[in-house]
Amino acid sequence: MLASHARLEEVEQQLRWFKQQLFGRRSERRILEPDLSQLCLGESLAAKAEDPIPTTTVRSHARRKRPEREASDDEVLATAILDRLLHHSHVLNISGRSYRLRELEQAARSSKPS
């Protein structure tokens, strides 16, 4: 038990020393050289802005019209979409009026002048 307390005190002393090195008065005197392997924030953007951007001219084209779909195609597409969405779902049959409709009817009744 005493050994663990001694080790804890030693680690806390090391932590205080590291904090003093990083955040103490010595850290203000230290000038770090920039690491060239790290990305810069704005220096490279300013240099790239001066370079002209190469452009290419693309010939314009007219968009082809899709053939119009029939109503049966839309029904097939809607059925396929619903089938994919509801594949693993469970259907719950709920009878009676919904809370939304009940509240709407109550609001309509209360707003009608008698």
C-alpha atoms as a PDB file:
ATOM      1  CA  MET A   1       0.000   0.000   0.000  1.00  0.00           C
ATOM      2  CA  LEU A   2       2.827   2.405   0.864  1.00  0.00           C
ATOM      3  CA  ALA A   3       4.565   1.550  -2.402  1.00  0.00           C
ATOM      4  CA  SER A   4       1.482   2.528  -4.412  1.00  0.00           C
ATOM      5  CA  HIS A   5       1.186   5.844  -2.530  1.00  0.00           C
ATOM      6  CA  ALA A   6       4.867   6.545  -3.152  1.00  0.00           C
ATOM      7  CA  ARG A   7       4.440   5.739  -6.870  1.00  0.00           C
ATOM      8  CA  LEU A   8       1.348   7.969  -7.020  1.00  0.00           C
ATOM      9  CA  GLU A   9       3.262  10.864  -5.450  1.00  0.00           C
ATOM     10  CA  GLU A  10       6.129  10.360  -7.924  1.00  0.00           C
ATOM     11  CA  VAL A  11       3.753  10.411 -10.910  1.00  0.00           C
ATOM     12  CA  GLU A  12       1.983  13.531  -9.600  1.00  0.00           C
ATOM     13  CA  GLN A  13       5.377  15.251  -9.225  1.00  0.00           C
ATOM     14  CA  GLN A  14       6.223  14.370 -12.838  1.00  0.00           C
ATOM     15  CA  LEU A  15       2.853  15.722 -13.952  1.00  0.00           C
ATOM     16  CA  ARG A  16       3.450  19.027 -12.135  1.00  0.00           C
ATOM     17  CA  TRP A  17       6.897  19.296 -13.787  1.00  0.00           C
ATOM     18  CA  PHE A  18       5.431  18.670 -17.271  1.00  0.00           C
ATOM     19  CA  LYS A  19       2.684  21.238 -16.697  1.00  0.00           C
ATOM     20  CA  GLN A  20       5.277  23.782 -15.624  1.00  0.00           C
ATOM     21  CA  GLN A  21       7.342  23.052 -18.732  1.00  0.00           C
ATOM     22  CA  LEU A  22       4.343  23.389 -21.038  1.00  0.00           C
ATOM     23  CA  PHE A  23       2.414  26.202 -19.398  1.00  0.00           C
ATOM     24  CA  GLY A  24       4.938  27.944 -17.142  1.00  0.00           C
ATOM     25  CA  ARG A  25       7.215  30.936 -17.780  1.00  0.00           C
ATOM     26  CA  ARG A  26       9.736  28.821 -19.651  1.00  0.00           C
ATOM     27  CA  SER A  27       7.160  27.990 -22.290  1.00  0.00           C
ATOM     28  CA  GLU A  28       6.825  31.687 -23.171  1.00  0.00           C
ATOM     29  CA  ARG A  29      10.546  31.974 -23.889  1.00  0.00           C
ATOM     30  CA  ARG A  30      10.635  28.900 -26.055  1.00  0.00           C
ATOM     31  CA  ILE A  31      10.191  29.450 -29.802  1.00  0.00           C
ATOM     32  CA  LEU A  32       9.212  26.300 -31.609  1.00  0.00           C
ATOM     33  CA  GLU A  33      10.302  25.737 -35.166  1.00  0.00           C
ATOM     34  CA  PRO A  34       7.368  24.770 -37.361  1.00  0.00           C
ATOM     35  CA  ASP A  35       7.173  21.106 -38.256  1.00  0.00           C
ATOM     36  CA  LEU A  36       7.374  20.877 -42.046  1.00  0.00           C
ATOM     37  CA  SER A  37       5.476  17.598 -42.123  1.00  0.00           C
ATOM     38  CA  GLN A  38       2.343  19.270 -40.709  1.00  0.00           C
ATOM     39  CA  LEU A  39      -0.191  21.111 -42.806  1.00  0.00           C
ATOM     40  CA  CYS A  40      -0.245  24.884 -42.720  1.00  0.00           C
ATOM     41  CA  LEU A  41      -3.337  26.938 -42.005  1.00  0.00           C
ATOM     42  CA  GLY A  42      -3.136  29.768 -44.472  1.00  0.00           C
ATOM     43  CA  GLU A  43       0.330  30.097 -45.911  1.00  0.00           C
ATOM     44  CA  SER A  44      -0.182  27.502 -48.634  1.00  0.00           C
ATOM     45  CA  LEU A  45      -3.588  28.950 -49.577  1.00  0.00           C
ATOM     46  CA  ALA A  46      -2.112  32.383 -50.142  1.00  0.00           C
ATOM     47  CA  ALA A  47       0.600  30.925 -52.362  1.00  0.00           C
ATOM     48  CA  LYS A  48      -1.909  28.925 -54.385  1.00  0.00           C
ATOM     49  CA  ALA A  49      -4.195  31.943 -54.863  1.00  0.00           C
ATOM     50  CA  GLU A  50      -1.491  33.677 -56.857  1.00  0.00           C
ATOM     51  CA  ASP A  51      -1.205  30.795 -59.323  1.00  0.00           C
ATOM     52  CA  PRO A  52      -3.662  31.055 -62.222  1.00  0.00           C
ATOM     53  CA  ILE A  53      -6.253  28.318 -62.324  1.00  0.00           C
ATOM     54  CA  PRO A  54      -6.151  26.370 -65.582  1.00  0.00           C
ATOM     55  CA  THR A  55      -9.480  26.244 -67.343  1.00  0.00           C
ATOM     56  CA  THR A  56     -10.852  24.085 -70.109  1.00  0.00           C
ATOM     57  CA  THR A  57     -13.698  24.890 -72.440  1.00  0.00           C
ATOM     58  CA  VAL A  58     -16.430  22.296 -72.706  1.00  0.00           C
ATOM     59  CA  ARG A  59     -18.742  22.113 -75.667  1.00  0.00           C
ATOM     60  CA  SER A  60     -22.348  22.775 -74.651  1.00  0.00           C
ATOM     61  CA  HIS A  61     -24.972  20.143 -75.175  1.00  0.00           C
ATOM     62  CA  ALA A  62     -28.726  19.835 -75.121  1.00  0.00           C
ATOM     63  CA  ARG A  63     -30.314  17.662 -72.482  1.00  0.00           C
ATOM     64  CA  ARG A  64     -32.163  14.661 -73.809  1.00  0.00           C
ATOM     65  CA  LYS A  65     -35.786  14.368 -72.799  1.00  0.00           C
ATOM     66  CA  ARG A  66     -36.814  11.226 -71.025  1.00  0.00           C
ATOM     67  CA  PRO A  67     -39.782   9.391 -72.451  1.00  0.00           C
ATOM     68  CA  GLU A  68     -42.912  10.087 -70.485  1.00  0.00           C
ATOM     69  CA  ARG A  69     -43.872   7.332 -68.096  1.00  0.00           C
ATOM     70  CA  GLU A  70     -47.318   5.916 -67.900  1.00  0.00           C
ATOM     71  CA  ALA A  71     -49.355   5.858 -64.703  1.00  0.00           C
ATOM     72  CA  SER A  72     -48.823   2.105 -64.404  1.00  0.00           C
ATOM     73  CA  ASP A  73     -45.035   2.679 -64.278  1.00  0.00           C
ATOM     74  CA  ASP A  74     -45.512   5.068 -61.355  1.00  0.00           C
ATOM     75  CA  GLU A  75     -47.637   2.500 -59.519  1.00  0.00           C
ATOM     76  CA  VAL A  76     -44.989  -0.185 -60.032  1.00  0.00           C
ATOM     77  CA  LEU A  77     -42.275   2.170 -58.840  1.00  0.00           C
ATOM     78  CA  ALA A  78     -44.268   3.211 -55.760  1.00  0.00           C
ATOM     79  CA  THR A  79     -44.999  -0.436 -54.939  1.00  0.00           C
ATOM     80  CA  ALA A  80     -41.321  -1.335 -55.244  1.00  0.00           C
ATOM     81  CA  ILE A  81     -40.267   1.562 -52.996  1.00  0.00           C
ATOM     82  CA  LEU A  82     -42.851   0.670 -50.350  1.00  0.00           C
ATOM     83  CA  ASP A  83     -41.855  -2.985 -50.537  1.00  0.00           C
ATOM     84  CA  ARG A  84     -38.206  -2.087 -49.869  1.00  0.00           C
ATOM     85  CA  LEU A  85     -39.104   0.229 -46.989  1.00  0.00           C
ATOM     86  CA  LEU A  86     -41.599  -2.074 -45.306  1.00  0.00           C
ATOM     87  CA  HIS A  87     -39.831  -5.400 -45.864  1.00  0.00           C
ATOM     88  CA  HIS A  88     -39.030  -6.105 -42.190  1.00  0.00           C
ATOM     89  CA  SER A  89     -41.822  -4.035 -40.678  1.00  0.00           C
ATOM     90  CA  HIS A  90     -44.889  -5.179 -38.762  1.00  0.00           C
ATOM     91  CA  VAL A  91     -48.357  -3.923 -39.609  1.00  0.00           C
ATOM     92  CA  LEU A  92     -50.515  -2.692 -36.729  1.00  0.00           C
ATOM     93  CA  ASN A  93     -54.205  -2.242 -37.408  1.00  0.00           C
ATOM     94  CA  ILE A  94     -55.518   0.590 -35.249  1.00  0.00           C
ATOM     95  CA  SER A  95     -59.236   1.279 -35.085  1.00  0.00           C
ATOM     96  CA  GLY A  96     -60.921   4.454 -33.980  1.00  0.00           C
ATOM     97  CA  ARG A  97     -60.154   8.083 -34.587  1.00  0.00           C
ATOM     98  CA  SER A  98     -56.608   9.318 -34.209  1.00  0.00           C
ATOM     99  CA  TYR A  99     -55.584  11.825 -31.559  1.00  0.00           C
ATOM    100  CA  ARG A 100     -54.786  14.326 -34.298  1.00  0.00           C
ATOM    101  CA  LEU A 101     -58.271  14.164 -35.779  1.00  0.00           C
ATOM    102  CA  ARG A 102     -59.929  14.239 -32.338  1.00  0.00           C
ATOM    103  CA  GLU A 103     -57.984  17.346 -31.331  1.00  0.00           C
ATOM    104  CA  LEU A 104     -58.762  18.959 -34.675  1.00  0.00           C
ATOM    105  CA  GLU A 105     -62.486  18.317 -34.198  1.00  0.00           C
ATOM    106  CA  GLN A 106     -62.398  19.620 -30.611  1.00  0.00           C
ATOM    107  CA  ALA A 107     -60.593  22.768 -31.753  1.00  0.00           C
ATOM    108  CA  ALA A 108     -63.176  23.279 -34.503  1.00  0.00           C
ATOM    109  CA  ARG A 109     -66.041  22.827 -32.034  1.00  0.00           C
ATOM    110  CA  SER A 110     -64.559  25.221 -29.493  1.00  0.00           C
ATOM    111  CA  SER A 111     -63.870  27.908 -32.086  1.00  0.00           C
ATOM    112  CA  LYS A 112     -67.443  27.857 -33.519  1.00  0.00           C
ATOM    113  CA  PRO A 113     -69.644  30.634 -32.172  1.00  0.00           C
ATOM    114  CA  SER A 114     -72.800  29.313 -30.465  1.00  0.00           C
END
